[in-house]
Amino acid sequence: MKKVMFGLGLILAAVFLLFKDSIALPMVDIPLWILICSAVFIFGAISSLSEKNYQGAIGSLAILFIILNSYYEWIGIATGSWIVAFILGAIGLQLLFQKDKKD
């Protein structure tokens, strides 16, 4: 099912790429590469959440936020600082929510 949805998403992205000038979308003023990256990282986050992999979901959403922040400049912090902050946050969450290993 996931492969079918992902395949349909790629086909829709291809159609949008070919006919983006013909399709009148007044609300969408985002470059195509940002739309595709957003779709991929949101799909990755949802997939990680369904597998209860919270670090993967946070990582996907963090990368998406970095991409969107570099385009829209919501917060004036350098990309390197964002990356280090998200890595430190992920390590901190891993230490807080460690899985018990039962051998």
Protein backbone atom coordinates (compact mmCIF):
# COMPACT_ATOMS: atom_id res chain seq x y z
CA MET A 1 0.00 0.00 0.00
CA LYS A 2 2.83 2.39 0.83
CA LYS A 3 4.51 1.72 -2.50
CA VAL A 4 1.27 2.40 -4.36
CA MET A 5 0.73 5.72 -2.57
CA PHE A 6 4.36 6.74 -3.09
CA GLY A 7 4.13 5.78 -6.78
CA LEU A 8 0.96 7.82 -7.22
CA GLY A 9 2.64 10.76 -5.50
CA LEU A 10 5.59 10.56 -7.88
CA ILE A 11 3.27 10.41 -10.89
CA LEU A 12 1.36 13.45 -9.62
CA ALA A 13 4.65 15.30 -9.11
CA ALA A 14 5.67 14.45 -12.69
CA VAL A 15 2.34 15.69 -14.06
CA PHE A 16 2.63 18.84 -12.00
CA LEU A 17 6.16 19.39 -13.28
CA LEU A 18 5.03 19.12 -16.89
CA PHE A 19 1.87 21.20 -16.59
CA LYS A 20 2.71 23.63 -13.76
CA ASP A 21 2.36 26.65 -16.06
CA SER A 22 -1.06 25.51 -17.27
CA ILE A 23 -2.42 24.73 -13.82
CA ALA A 24 -3.65 27.87 -12.09
CA LEU A 25 -2.82 27.49 -8.41
CA PRO A 26 -2.96 31.00 -6.95
CA MET A 27 -2.24 29.93 -3.37
CA VAL A 28 0.85 27.90 -4.24
CA ASP A 29 3.80 30.23 -4.62
CA ILE A 30 6.38 27.65 -3.62
CA PRO A 31 9.08 26.26 -5.93
CA LEU A 32 8.52 22.71 -7.08
CA TRP A 33 11.63 21.32 -5.41
CA ILE A 34 10.40 22.54 -2.02
CA LEU A 35 7.01 20.91 -2.61
CA ILE A 36 8.65 17.61 -3.52
CA CYS A 37 11.04 17.75 -0.54
CA SER A 38 8.14 18.58 1.76
CA ALA A 39 6.13 15.63 0.49
CA VAL A 40 9.09 13.24 0.86
CA PHE A 41 9.97 14.34 4.40
CA ILE A 42 6.34 14.39 5.56
CA PHE A 43 5.93 10.87 4.15
CA GLY A 44 9.11 9.83 5.96
CA ALA A 45 7.89 11.33 9.23
CA ILE A 46 4.52 9.60 9.00
CA SER A 47 6.21 6.33 8.11
CA SER A 48 8.57 6.65 11.07
CA LEU A 49 5.72 7.49 13.42
CA SER A 50 3.77 4.44 12.28
CA GLU A 51 6.78 2.29 13.20
CA LYS A 52 7.15 4.17 16.54
CA ASN A 53 10.55 5.48 15.46
CA TYR A 54 10.28 8.91 17.03
CA GLN A 55 13.86 9.95 16.26
CA GLY A 56 13.34 9.28 12.57
CA ALA A 57 10.16 11.33 12.59
CA ILE A 58 11.83 14.21 14.41
CA GLY A 59 14.79 14.02 12.03
CA SER A 60 12.54 14.16 8.97
CA LEU A 61 10.56 17.09 10.34
CA ALA A 62 13.78 18.85 11.38
CA ILE A 63 15.22 18.60 7.87
CA LEU A 64 11.91 19.82 6.45
CA PHE A 65 11.95 22.78 8.83
CA ILE A 66 15.52 23.64 7.85
CA ILE A 67 14.59 23.60 4.15
CA LEU A 68 11.47 25.71 4.67
CA ASN A 69 13.29 28.12 6.99
CA SER A 70 16.06 28.63 4.43
CA TYR A 71 13.42 29.58 1.84
CA TYR A 72 11.02 31.65 3.94
CA GLU A 73 13.55 32.92 6.54
CA TRP A 74 11.13 32.66 9.45
CA ILE A 75 13.91 32.67 12.04
CA GLY A 76 17.29 34.26 11.39
CA ILE A 77 19.49 31.43 12.67
CA ALA A 78 22.19 29.80 10.53
CA THR A 79 21.53 26.35 9.09
CA GLY A 80 24.55 24.86 10.86
CA SER A 81 23.16 25.97 14.20
CA TRP A 82 19.83 24.31 13.40
CA ILE A 83 21.56 21.05 12.49
CA VAL A 84 23.63 21.00 15.68
CA ALA A 85 20.56 21.89 17.79
CA PHE A 86 18.48 19.09 16.25
CA ILE A 87 21.29 16.56 16.70
CA LEU A 88 21.70 17.53 20.35
CA GLY A 89 17.93 17.39 20.85
CA ALA A 90 17.72 13.94 19.26
CA ILE A 91 20.51 12.63 21.48
CA GLY A 92 18.79 14.14 24.52
CA LEU A 93 15.48 12.51 23.61
CA GLN A 94 17.24 9.20 23.08
CA LEU A 95 18.74 9.41 26.56
CA LEU A 96 15.41 10.35 28.12
CA PHE A 97 13.34 7.69 26.37
CA GLN A 98 15.63 4.68 26.21
CA LYS A 99 14.05 1.36 25.37
CA ASP A 100 14.51 -1.34 27.96
CA LYS A 101 16.54 -4.20 26.55
CA LYS A 102 15.44 -7.55 27.86
CA ASP A 103 17.83 -10.36 27.01
